[in-house]
């Protein structure tokens, strides 16, 4: 407990780190960006052959980021109509919160 208080005091007394100006997002930029992917559903529910159908802020690279994450997504094989989605293309909205 005392060690954590000492550490907290040491951190609060240190000079603030300077942020890289290239990494700062101006206040006028959106706080959330959306990309719409069009992906093929595999037999096990994973997504493949994805393309970016649209994105709210192309200059932020949200579409590229969504494409990089898509291989880790998995969807329910049964669609809302009760039919299998395997072998079909679906649209996948990806929201990325920017802080």
PDB file of N, CA and C in Angstrom:
ATOM      1  N   UNK A   1       0.831  -1.190   0.000  1.00  0.00           N
ATOM      2  CA  UNK A   1       0.000   0.000   0.000  1.00  0.00           C
ATOM      3  C   UNK A   1       0.871   1.247   0.000  1.00  0.00           C
ATOM      4  N   UNK A   2       1.857   1.306   0.908  1.00  0.00           N
ATOM      5  CA  UNK A   2       2.740   2.475   0.985  1.00  0.00           C
ATOM      6  C   UNK A   2       3.557   2.602  -0.291  1.00  0.00           C
ATOM      7  N   UNK A   3       4.024   1.457  -0.812  1.00  0.00           N
ATOM      8  CA  UNK A   3       4.824   1.489  -2.043  1.00  0.00           C
ATOM      9  C   UNK A   3       4.005   2.055  -3.199  1.00  0.00           C
ATOM     10  N   UNK A   4       2.727   1.700  -3.278  1.00  0.00           N
ATOM     11  CA  UNK A   4       1.904   2.211  -4.376  1.00  0.00           C
ATOM     12  C   UNK A   4       1.650   3.706  -4.213  1.00  0.00           C
ATOM     13  N   UNK A   5       1.517   4.196  -2.967  1.00  0.00           N
ATOM     14  CA  UNK A   5       1.346   5.630  -2.740  1.00  0.00           C
ATOM     15  C   UNK A   5       2.606   6.396  -3.112  1.00  0.00           C
ATOM     16  N   UNK A   6       3.763   5.822  -2.785  1.00  0.00           N
ATOM     17  CA  UNK A   6       5.029   6.467  -3.134  1.00  0.00           C
ATOM     18  C   UNK A   6       5.171   6.520  -4.648  1.00  0.00           C
ATOM     19  N   UNK A   7       4.823   5.423  -5.321  1.00  0.00           N
ATOM     20  CA  UNK A   7       4.901   5.382  -6.773  1.00  0.00           C
ATOM     21  C   UNK A   7       3.945   6.395  -7.388  1.00  0.00           C
ATOM     22  N   UNK A   8       2.746   6.483  -6.862  1.00  0.00           N
ATOM     23  CA  UNK A   8       1.772   7.444  -7.375  1.00  0.00           C
ATOM     24  C   UNK A   8       2.270   8.869  -7.186  1.00  0.00           C
ATOM     25  N   UNK A   9       2.879   9.150  -6.046  1.00  0.00           N
ATOM     26  CA  UNK A   9       3.414  10.488  -5.789  1.00  0.00           C
ATOM     27  C   UNK A   9       4.566  10.784  -6.734  1.00  0.00           C
ATOM     28  N   UNK A  10       5.417   9.814  -6.975  1.00  0.00           N
ATOM     29  CA  UNK A  10       6.547  10.008  -7.876  1.00  0.00           C
ATOM     30  C   UNK A  10       6.066  10.256  -9.306  1.00  0.00           C
ATOM     31  N   UNK A  11       5.040   9.544  -9.718  1.00  0.00           N
ATOM     32  CA  UNK A  11       4.517   9.731 -11.069  1.00  0.00           C
ATOM     33  C   UNK A  11       3.830  11.073 -11.226  1.00  0.00           C
ATOM     34  N   UNK A  12       3.124  11.514 -10.195  1.00  0.00           N
ATOM     35  CA  UNK A  12       2.411  12.779 -10.306  1.00  0.00           C
ATOM     36  C   UNK A  12       3.365  13.973 -10.258  1.00  0.00           C
ATOM     37  N   UNK A  13       4.550  13.799  -9.687  1.00  0.00           N
ATOM     38  CA  UNK A  13       5.516  14.887  -9.611  1.00  0.00           C
ATOM     39  C   UNK A  13       6.429  14.956 -10.824  1.00  0.00           C
ATOM     40  N   UNK A  14       6.435  13.918 -11.646  1.00  0.00           N
ATOM     41  CA  UNK A  14       7.315  13.924 -12.807  1.00  0.00           C
ATOM     42  C   UNK A  14       6.731  14.817 -13.894  1.00  0.00           C
ATOM     43  N   UNK A  15       7.587  15.293 -14.766  1.00  0.00           N
ATOM     44  CA  UNK A  15       7.153  16.154 -15.861  1.00  0.00           C
ATOM     45  C   UNK A  15       6.313  15.343 -16.834  1.00  0.00           C
ATOM     46  N   UNK A  16       5.271  15.926 -17.374  1.00  0.00           N
ATOM     47  CA  UNK A  16       4.433  15.194 -18.326  1.00  0.00           C
ATOM     48  C   UNK A  16       5.209  14.861 -19.594  1.00  0.00           C
ATOM     49  N   UNK A  17       4.948  13.677 -20.119  1.00  0.00           N
ATOM     50  CA  UNK A  17       5.613  13.262 -21.346  1.00  0.00           C
ATOM     51  C   UNK A  17       5.044  14.047 -22.507  1.00  0.00           C
ATOM     52  N   UNK A  18       5.903  14.387 -23.451  1.00  0.00           N
ATOM     53  CA  UNK A  18       5.447  15.116 -24.631  1.00  0.00           C
ATOM     54  C   UNK A  18       4.968  14.109 -25.667  1.00  0.00           C
ATOM     55  N   UNK A  19       3.793  14.353 -26.212  1.00  0.00           N
ATOM     56  CA  UNK A  19       3.214  13.459 -27.209  1.00  0.00           C
ATOM     57  C   UNK A  19       3.777  13.778 -28.579  1.00  0.00           C
ATOM     58  N   UNK A  20       3.902  12.762 -29.381  1.00  0.00           N
ATOM     59  CA  UNK A  20       4.335  12.921 -30.760  1.00  0.00           C
ATOM     60  C   UNK A  20       3.225  13.651 -31.511  1.00  0.00           C
ATOM     61  N   UNK A  21       3.504  14.810 -32.124  1.00  0.00           N
ATOM     62  CA  UNK A  21       2.457  15.579 -32.792  1.00  0.00           C
ATOM     63  C   UNK A  21       1.772  14.804 -33.911  1.00  0.00           C
ATOM     64  N   UNK A  22       2.461  13.851 -34.531  1.00  0.00           N
ATOM     65  CA  UNK A  22       1.852  13.064 -35.602  1.00  0.00           C
ATOM     66  C   UNK A  22       0.789  12.113 -35.075  1.00  0.00           C
ATOM     67  N   UNK A  23       0.820  11.806 -33.770  1.00  0.00           N
ATOM     68  CA  UNK A  23      -0.134  10.877 -33.191  1.00  0.00           C
ATOM     69  C   UNK A  23      -1.350  11.572 -32.586  1.00  0.00           C
ATOM     70  N   UNK A  24      -1.290  12.877 -32.473  1.00  0.00           N
ATOM     71  CA  UNK A  24      -2.407  13.617 -31.884  1.00  0.00           C
ATOM     72  C   UNK A  24      -3.541  13.755 -32.896  1.00  0.00           C
ATOM     73  N   UNK A  25      -4.766  13.594 -32.428  1.00  0.00           N
ATOM     74  CA  UNK A  25      -5.940  13.728 -33.276  1.00  0.00           C
ATOM     75  C   UNK A  25      -6.587  15.066 -32.952  1.00  0.00           C
ATOM     76  N   UNK A  26      -6.709  15.934 -33.945  1.00  0.00           N
ATOM     77  CA  UNK A  26      -7.331  17.237 -33.680  1.00  0.00           C
ATOM     78  C   UNK A  26      -8.748  17.075 -33.153  1.00  0.00           C
ATOM     79  N   UNK A  27      -9.197  18.044 -32.370  1.00  0.00           N
ATOM     80  CA  UNK A  27     -10.530  17.985 -31.766  1.00  0.00           C
ATOM     81  C   UNK A  27     -11.620  17.927 -32.826  1.00  0.00           C
ATOM     82  N   UNK A  28     -11.335  18.423 -34.031  1.00  0.00           N
ATOM     83  CA  UNK A  28     -12.343  18.409 -35.091  1.00  0.00           C
ATOM     84  C   UNK A  28     -12.529  17.022 -35.694  1.00  0.00           C
ATOM     85  N   UNK A  29     -11.630  16.091 -35.412  1.00  0.00           N
ATOM     86  CA  UNK A  29     -11.741  14.732 -35.932  1.00  0.00           C
ATOM     87  C   UNK A  29     -12.831  13.974 -35.181  1.00  0.00           C
ATOM     88  N   UNK A  30     -13.476  13.008 -35.833  1.00  0.00           N
ATOM     89  CA  UNK A  30     -14.512  12.226 -35.144  1.00  0.00           C
ATOM     90  C   UNK A  30     -13.918  11.367 -34.038  1.00  0.00           C
ATOM     91  N   UNK A  31     -14.698  11.098 -33.026  1.00  0.00           N
ATOM     92  CA  UNK A  31     -14.268  10.270 -31.907  1.00  0.00           C
ATOM     93  C   UNK A  31     -14.580   8.793 -32.158  1.00  0.00           C
ATOM     94  N   UNK A  32     -15.368   8.520 -33.169  1.00  0.00           N
ATOM     95  CA  UNK A  32     -15.677   7.149 -33.535  1.00  0.00           C
ATOM     96  C   UNK A  32     -15.726   7.085 -35.051  1.00  0.00           C
ATOM     97  N   UNK A  33     -15.120   6.066 -35.609  1.00  0.00           N
ATOM     98  CA  UNK A  33     -15.129   5.891 -37.053  1.00  0.00           C
ATOM     99  C   UNK A  33     -15.679   4.510 -37.368  1.00  0.00           C
ATOM    100  N   UNK A  34     -16.304   4.390 -38.516  1.00  0.00           N
ATOM    101  CA  UNK A  34     -16.949   3.137 -38.899  1.00  0.00           C
ATOM    102  C   UNK A  34     -16.469   2.722 -40.283  1.00  0.00           C
ATOM    103  N   UNK A  35     -16.204   1.428 -40.418  1.00  0.00           N
ATOM    104  CA  UNK A  35     -15.904   0.844 -41.725  1.00  0.00           C
ATOM    105  C   UNK A  35     -16.912  -0.278 -41.958  1.00  0.00           C
ATOM    106  N   UNK A  36     -17.335  -0.416 -43.185  1.00  0.00           N
ATOM    107  CA  UNK A  36     -18.227  -1.511 -43.566  1.00  0.00           C
ATOM    108  C   UNK A  36     -17.414  -2.469 -44.430  1.00  0.00           C
ATOM    109  N   UNK A  37     -17.293  -3.712 -43.954  1.00  0.00           N
ATOM    110  CA  UNK A  37     -16.579  -4.738 -44.700  1.00  0.00           C
ATOM    111  C   UNK A  37     -17.572  -5.664 -45.381  1.00  0.00           C
ATOM    112  N   UNK A  38     -17.202  -6.181 -46.523  1.00  0.00           N
ATOM    113  CA  UNK A  38     -17.962  -7.214 -47.209  1.00  0.00           C
ATOM    114  C   UNK A  38     -17.072  -8.455 -47.175  1.00  0.00           C
ATOM    115  N   UNK A  39     -17.520  -9.513 -46.468  1.00  0.00           N
ATOM    116  CA  UNK A  39     -16.666 -10.676 -46.213  1.00  0.00           C
ATOM    117  C   UNK A  39     -17.378 -11.979 -46.551  1.00  0.00           C
ATOM    118  N   UNK A  40     -16.595 -12.956 -46.949  1.00  0.00           N
ATOM    119  CA  UNK A  40     -17.080 -14.307 -47.202  1.00  0.00           C
ATOM    120  C   UNK A  40     -17.023 -15.094 -45.896  1.00  0.00           C
ATOM    121  N   UNK A  41     -18.117 -15.770 -45.560  1.00  0.00           N
ATOM    122  CA  UNK A  41     -18.181 -16.583 -44.341  1.00  0.00           C
ATOM    123  C   UNK A  41     -17.706 -17.995 -44.684  1.00  0.00           C
ATOM    124  N   UNK A  42     -16.719 -18.489 -43.936  1.00  0.00           N
ATOM    125  CA  UNK A  42     -16.209 -19.842 -44.154  1.00  0.00           C
ATOM    126  C   UNK A  42     -17.095 -20.864 -43.448  1.00  0.00           C
ATOM    127  N   UNK A  43     -16.802 -22.146 -43.670  1.00  0.00           N
ATOM    128  CA  UNK A  43     -17.602 -23.219 -43.071  1.00  0.00           C
ATOM    129  C   UNK A  43     -17.563 -23.235 -41.545  1.00  0.00           C
ATOM    130  N   UNK A  44     -16.529 -22.616 -40.944  1.00  0.00           N
ATOM    131  CA  UNK A  44     -16.444 -22.586 -39.485  1.00  0.00           C
ATOM    132  C   UNK A  44     -16.846 -21.227 -38.899  1.00  0.00           C
ATOM    133  N   UNK A  45     -17.363 -20.331 -39.749  1.00  0.00           N
ATOM    134  CA  UNK A  45     -17.843 -19.039 -39.259  1.00  0.00           C
ATOM    135  C   UNK A  45     -16.826 -17.921 -39.278  1.00  0.00           C
ATOM    136  N   UNK A  46     -15.595 -18.202 -39.700  1.00  0.00           N
ATOM    137  CA  UNK A  46     -14.599 -17.135 -39.810  1.00  0.00           C
ATOM    138  C   UNK A  46     -14.845 -16.337 -41.086  1.00  0.00           C
ATOM    139  N   UNK A  47     -14.234 -15.167 -41.163  1.00  0.00           N
ATOM    140  CA  UNK A  47     -14.408 -14.292 -42.314  1.00  0.00           C
ATOM    141  C   UNK A  47     -13.146 -14.290 -43.159  1.00  0.00           C
ATOM    142  N   UNK A  48     -13.325 -14.265 -44.466  1.00  0.00           N
ATOM    143  CA  UNK A  48     -12.200 -14.239 -45.388  1.00  0.00           C
ATOM    144  C   UNK A  48     -12.590 -13.400 -46.604  1.00  0.00           C
ATOM    145  N   UNK A  49     -11.627 -13.108 -47.455  1.00  0.00           N
ATOM    146  CA  UNK A  49     -11.853 -12.359 -48.698  1.00  0.00           C
ATOM    147  C   UNK A  49     -12.599 -11.053 -48.449  1.00  0.00           C
ATOM    148  N   UNK A  50     -12.237 -10.346 -47.393  1.00  0.00           N
ATOM    149  CA  UNK A  50     -12.925  -9.100 -47.033  1.00  0.00           C
ATOM    150  C   UNK A  50     -12.447  -7.933 -47.897  1.00  0.00           C
ATOM    151  N   UNK A  51     -13.366  -7.052 -48.197  1.00  0.00           N
ATOM    152  CA  UNK A  51     -13.049  -5.794 -48.867  1.00  0.00           C
ATOM    153  C   UNK A  51     -13.758  -4.675 -48.111  1.00  0.00           C
ATOM    154  N   UNK A  52     -13.223  -3.477 -48.217  1.00  0.00           N
ATOM    155  CA  UNK A  52     -13.842  -2.314 -47.576  1.00  0.00           C
ATOM    156  C   UNK A  52     -14.895  -1.755 -48.524  1.00  0.00           C
ATOM    157  N   UNK A  53     -16.146  -1.771 -48.077  1.00  0.00           N
ATOM    158  CA  UNK A  53     -17.253  -1.235 -48.871  1.00  0.00           C
ATOM    159  C   UNK A  53     -17.424   0.264 -48.637  1.00  0.00           C
ATOM    160  N   UNK A  54     -17.040   0.719 -47.462  1.00  0.00           N
ATOM    161  CA  UNK A  54     -17.159   2.131 -47.136  1.00  0.00           C
ATOM    162  C   UNK A  54     -16.575   2.406 -45.770  1.00  0.00           C
ATOM    163  N   UNK A  55     -16.223   3.664 -45.532  1.00  0.00           N
ATOM    164  CA  UNK A  55     -15.712   4.062 -44.218  1.00  0.00           C
ATOM    165  C   UNK A  55     -16.042   5.524 -43.987  1.00  0.00           C
ATOM    166  N   UNK A  56     -16.282   5.857 -42.725  1.00  0.00           N
ATOM    167  CA  UNK A  56     -16.726   7.212 -42.393  1.00  0.00           C
ATOM    168  C   UNK A  56     -15.607   8.236 -42.459  1.00  0.00           C
ATOM    169  N   UNK A  57     -14.384   7.829 -42.195  1.00  0.00           N
ATOM    170  CA  UNK A  57     -13.252   8.759 -42.203  1.00  0.00           C
ATOM    171  C   UNK A  57     -12.049   8.097 -42.876  1.00  0.00           C
ATOM    172  N   UNK A  58     -12.003   8.090 -44.204  1.00  0.00           N
ATOM    173  CA  UNK A  58     -10.932   7.390 -44.909  1.00  0.00           C
ATOM    174  C   UNK A  58      -9.531   7.864 -44.522  1.00  0.00           C
ATOM    175  N   UNK A  59      -9.409   9.126 -44.166  1.00  0.00           N
ATOM    176  CA  UNK A  59      -8.091   9.659 -43.817  1.00  0.00           C
ATOM    177  C   UNK A  59      -7.522   9.058 -42.526  1.00  0.00           C
ATOM    178  N   UNK A  60      -8.380   8.442 -41.713  1.00  0.00           N
ATOM    179  CA  UNK A  60      -7.920   7.820 -40.467  1.00  0.00           C
ATOM    180  C   UNK A  60      -7.459   6.379 -40.661  1.00  0.00           C
ATOM    181  N   UNK A  61      -7.722   5.799 -41.827  1.00  0.00           N
ATOM    182  CA  UNK A  61      -7.282   4.432 -42.089  1.00  0.00           C
ATOM    183  C   UNK A  61      -8.098   3.365 -41.382  1.00  0.00           C
ATOM    184  N   UNK A  62      -9.342   3.672 -41.072  1.00  0.00           N
ATOM    185  CA  UNK A  62     -10.193   2.734 -40.343  1.00  0.00           C
ATOM    186  C   UNK A  62     -10.478   1.488 -41.173  1.00  0.00           C
ATOM    187  N   UNK A  63     -10.662   1.650 -42.468  1.00  0.00           N
ATOM    188  CA  UNK A  63     -10.911   0.504 -43.338  1.00  0.00           C
ATOM    189  C   UNK A  63      -9.753  -0.477 -43.324  1.00  0.00           C
ATOM    190  N   UNK A  64      -8.531   0.045 -43.418  1.00  0.00           N
ATOM    191  CA  UNK A  64      -7.345  -0.823 -43.367  1.00  0.00           C
ATOM    192  C   UNK A  64      -7.232  -1.529 -42.028  1.00  0.00           C
ATOM    193  N   UNK A  65      -7.511  -0.804 -40.943  1.00  0.00           N
ATOM    194  CA  UNK A  65      -7.448  -1.414 -39.611  1.00  0.00           C
ATOM    195  C   UNK A  65      -8.497  -2.519 -39.473  1.00  0.00           C
ATOM    196  N   UNK A  66      -9.690  -2.277 -39.990  1.00  0.00           N
ATOM    197  CA  UNK A  66     -10.765  -3.276 -39.924  1.00  0.00           C
ATOM    198  C   UNK A  66     -10.386  -4.516 -40.726  1.00  0.00           C
ATOM    199  N   UNK A  67      -9.765  -4.322 -41.895  1.00  0.00           N
ATOM    200  CA  UNK A  67      -9.325  -5.466 -42.703  1.00  0.00           C
ATOM    201  C   UNK A  67      -8.308  -6.316 -41.958  1.00  0.00           C
ATOM    202  N   UNK A  68      -7.407  -5.670 -41.233  1.00  0.00           N
ATOM    203  CA  UNK A  68      -6.381  -6.406 -40.483  1.00  0.00           C
ATOM    204  C   UNK A  68      -6.994  -7.212 -39.339  1.00  0.00           C
ATOM    205  N   UNK A  69      -8.090  -6.728 -38.780  1.00  0.00           N
ATOM    206  CA  UNK A  69      -8.736  -7.423 -37.667  1.00  0.00           C
ATOM    207  C   UNK A  69      -9.693  -8.515 -38.122  1.00  0.00           C
ATOM    208  N   UNK A  70     -10.181  -8.443 -39.347  1.00  0.00           N
ATOM    209  CA  UNK A  70     -11.268  -9.304 -39.820  1.00  0.00           C
ATOM    210  C   UNK A  70     -10.949 -10.789 -39.723  1.00  0.00           C
ATOM    211  N   UNK A  71      -9.696 -11.165 -39.875  1.00  0.00           N
ATOM    212  CA  UNK A  71      -9.353 -12.597 -39.821  1.00  0.00           C
ATOM    213  C   UNK A  71      -9.582 -13.176 -38.429  1.00  0.00           C
ATOM    214  N   UNK A  72      -9.728 -12.327 -37.426  1.00  0.00           N
ATOM    215  CA  UNK A  72      -9.967 -12.788 -36.063  1.00  0.00           C
ATOM    216  C   UNK A  72     -11.455 -12.839 -35.721  1.00  0.00           C
ATOM    217  N   UNK A  73     -12.309 -12.330 -36.598  1.00  0.00           N
ATOM    218  CA  UNK A  73     -13.746 -12.326 -36.356  1.00  0.00           C
ATOM    219  C   UNK A  73     -14.337 -13.696 -36.649  1.00  0.00           C
ATOM    220  N   UNK A  74     -15.400 -14.010 -35.928  1.00  0.00           N
ATOM    221  CA  UNK A  74     -16.150 -15.227 -36.186  1.00  0.00           C
ATOM    222  C   UNK A  74     -17.630 -14.898 -36.001  1.00  0.00           C
ATOM    223  N   UNK A  75     -18.447 -15.372 -36.908  1.00  0.00           N
ATOM    224  CA  UNK A  75     -19.876 -15.077 -36.842  1.00  0.00           C
ATOM    225  C   UNK A  75     -20.661 -16.367 -36.640  1.00  0.00           C
ATOM    226  N   UNK A  76     -21.896 -16.210 -36.194  1.00  0.00           N
ATOM    227  CA  UNK A  76     -22.807 -17.344 -36.046  1.00  0.00           C
ATOM    228  C   UNK A  76     -23.142 -17.841 -37.447  1.00  0.00           C
ATOM    229  N   UNK A  77     -23.031 -19.118 -37.663  1.00  0.00           N
ATOM    230  CA  UNK A  77     -23.293 -19.660 -38.999  1.00  0.00           C
ATOM    231  C   UNK A  77     -24.751 -19.548 -39.417  1.00  0.00           C
ATOM    232  N   UNK A  78     -25.658 -19.523 -38.467  1.00  0.00           N
ATOM    233  CA  UNK A  78     -27.068 -19.373 -38.806  1.00  0.00           C
ATOM    234  C   UNK A  78     -27.443 -17.898 -38.829  1.00  0.00           C
ATOM    235  N   UNK A  79     -27.977 -17.477 -39.948  1.00  0.00           N
ATOM    236  CA  UNK A  79     -28.412 -16.092 -40.081  1.00  0.00           C
ATOM    237  C   UNK A  79     -29.751 -15.882 -39.401  1.00  0.00           C
ATOM    238  N   UNK A  80     -30.262 -14.670 -39.417  1.00  0.00           N
ATOM    239  CA  UNK A  80     -31.540 -14.374 -38.784  1.00  0.00           C
ATOM    240  C   UNK A  80     -32.701 -15.171 -39.392  1.00  0.00           C
ATOM    241  N   UNK A  81     -32.521 -15.596 -40.641  1.00  0.00           N
ATOM    242  CA  UNK A  81     -33.572 -16.372 -41.300  1.00  0.00           C
ATOM    243  C   UNK A  81     -33.468 -17.873 -41.017  1.00  0.00           C
ATOM    244  N   UNK A  82     -32.455 -18.269 -40.219  1.00  0.00           N
ATOM    245  CA  UNK A  82     -32.276 -19.670 -39.867  1.00  0.00           C
ATOM    246  C   UNK A  82     -31.460 -20.466 -40.871  1.00  0.00           C
ATOM    247  N   UNK A  83     -31.026 -19.816 -41.943  1.00  0.00           N
ATOM    248  CA  UNK A  83     -30.241 -20.494 -42.972  1.00  0.00           C
ATOM    249  C   UNK A  83     -28.754 -20.295 -42.709  1.00  0.00           C
ATOM    250  N   UNK A  84     -27.956 -21.233 -43.189  1.00  0.00           N
ATOM    251  CA  UNK A  84     -26.512 -21.155 -43.010  1.00  0.00           C
ATOM    252  C   UNK A  84     -25.931 -20.000 -43.830  1.00  0.00           C
ATOM    253  N   UNK A  85     -24.997 -19.291 -43.245  1.00  0.00           N
ATOM    254  CA  UNK A  85     -24.300 -18.201 -43.930  1.00  0.00           C
ATOM    255  C   UNK A  85     -23.019 -18.685 -44.602  1.00  0.00           C
ATOM    256  N   UNK A  86     -22.590 -19.924 -44.327  1.00  0.00           N
ATOM    257  CA  UNK A  86     -21.342 -20.443 -44.887  1.00  0.00           C
ATOM    258  C   UNK A  86     -21.381 -20.338 -46.413  1.00  0.00           C
ATOM    259  N   UNK A  87     -20.316 -19.781 -46.970  1.00  0.00           N
ATOM    260  CA  UNK A  87     -20.216 -19.636 -48.417  1.00  0.00           C
ATOM    261  C   UNK A  87     -20.886 -18.394 -48.972  1.00  0.00           C
ATOM    262  N   UNK A  88     -21.451 -17.578 -48.111  1.00  0.00           N
ATOM    263  CA  UNK A  88     -22.092 -16.352 -48.586  1.00  0.00           C
ATOM    264  C   UNK A  88     -21.325 -15.131 -48.083  1.00  0.00           C
ATOM    265  N   UNK A  89     -21.557 -14.011 -48.740  1.00  0.00           N
ATOM    266  CA  UNK A  89     -20.941 -12.749 -48.331  1.00  0.00           C
ATOM    267  C   UNK A  89     -21.895 -12.006 -47.403  1.00  0.00           C
ATOM    268  N   UNK A  90     -21.326 -11.390 -46.389  1.00  0.00           N
ATOM    269  CA  UNK A  90     -22.120 -10.584 -45.459  1.00  0.00           C
ATOM    270  C   UNK A  90     -21.439  -9.234 -45.284  1.00  0.00           C
ATOM    271  N   UNK A  91     -22.202  -8.246 -44.888  1.00  0.00           N
ATOM    272  CA  UNK A  91     -21.634  -6.945 -44.550  1.00  0.00           C
ATOM    273  C   UNK A  91     -21.391  -6.906 -43.052  1.00  0.00           C
ATOM    274  N   UNK A  92     -20.209  -6.436 -42.698  1.00  0.00           N
ATOM    275  CA  UNK A  92     -19.803  -6.396 -41.286  1.00  0.00           C
ATOM    276  C   UNK A  92     -19.429  -4.948 -40.927  1.00  0.00           C
ATOM    277  N   UNK A  93     -20.220  -4.304 -40.068  1.00  0.00           N
ATOM    278  CA  UNK A  93     -19.825  -2.962 -39.617  1.00  0.00           C
ATOM    279  C   UNK A  93     -18.774  -3.081 -38.508  1.00  0.00           C
ATOM    280  N   UNK A  94     -17.738  -2.283 -38.611  1.00  0.00           N
ATOM    281  CA  UNK A  94     -16.677  -2.261 -37.598  1.00  0.00           C
ATOM    282  C   UNK A  94     -16.569  -0.833 -37.086  1.00  0.00           C
ATOM    283  N   UNK A  95     -16.830  -0.656 -35.797  1.00  0.00           N
ATOM    284  CA  UNK A  95     -16.724   0.658 -35.160  1.00  0.00           C
ATOM    285  C   UNK A  95     -15.433   0.724 -34.378  1.00  0.00           C
ATOM    286  N   UNK A  96     -14.686   1.789 -34.585  1.00  0.00           N
ATOM    287  CA  UNK A  96     -13.433   1.969 -33.852  1.00  0.00           C
ATOM    288  C   UNK A  96     -13.530   3.291 -33.105  1.00  0.00           C
ATOM    289  N   UNK A  97     -13.394   3.211 -31.790  1.00  0.00           N
ATOM    290  CA  UNK A  97     -13.433   4.410 -30.953  1.00  0.00           C
ATOM    291  C   UNK A  97     -12.033   5.007 -30.883  1.00  0.00           C
ATOM    292  N   UNK A  98     -11.951   6.302 -31.116  1.00  0.00           N
ATOM    293  CA  UNK A  98     -10.671   7.004 -31.121  1.00  0.00           C
ATOM    294  C   UNK A  98     -10.584   7.847 -29.861  1.00  0.00           C
ATOM    295  N   UNK A  99      -9.504   7.665 -29.134  1.00  0.00           N
ATOM    296  CA  UNK A  99      -9.334   8.438 -27.890  1.00  0.00           C
ATOM    297  C   UNK A  99      -8.182   9.375 -28.016  1.00  0.00           C
TER     298      UNK A  99
END
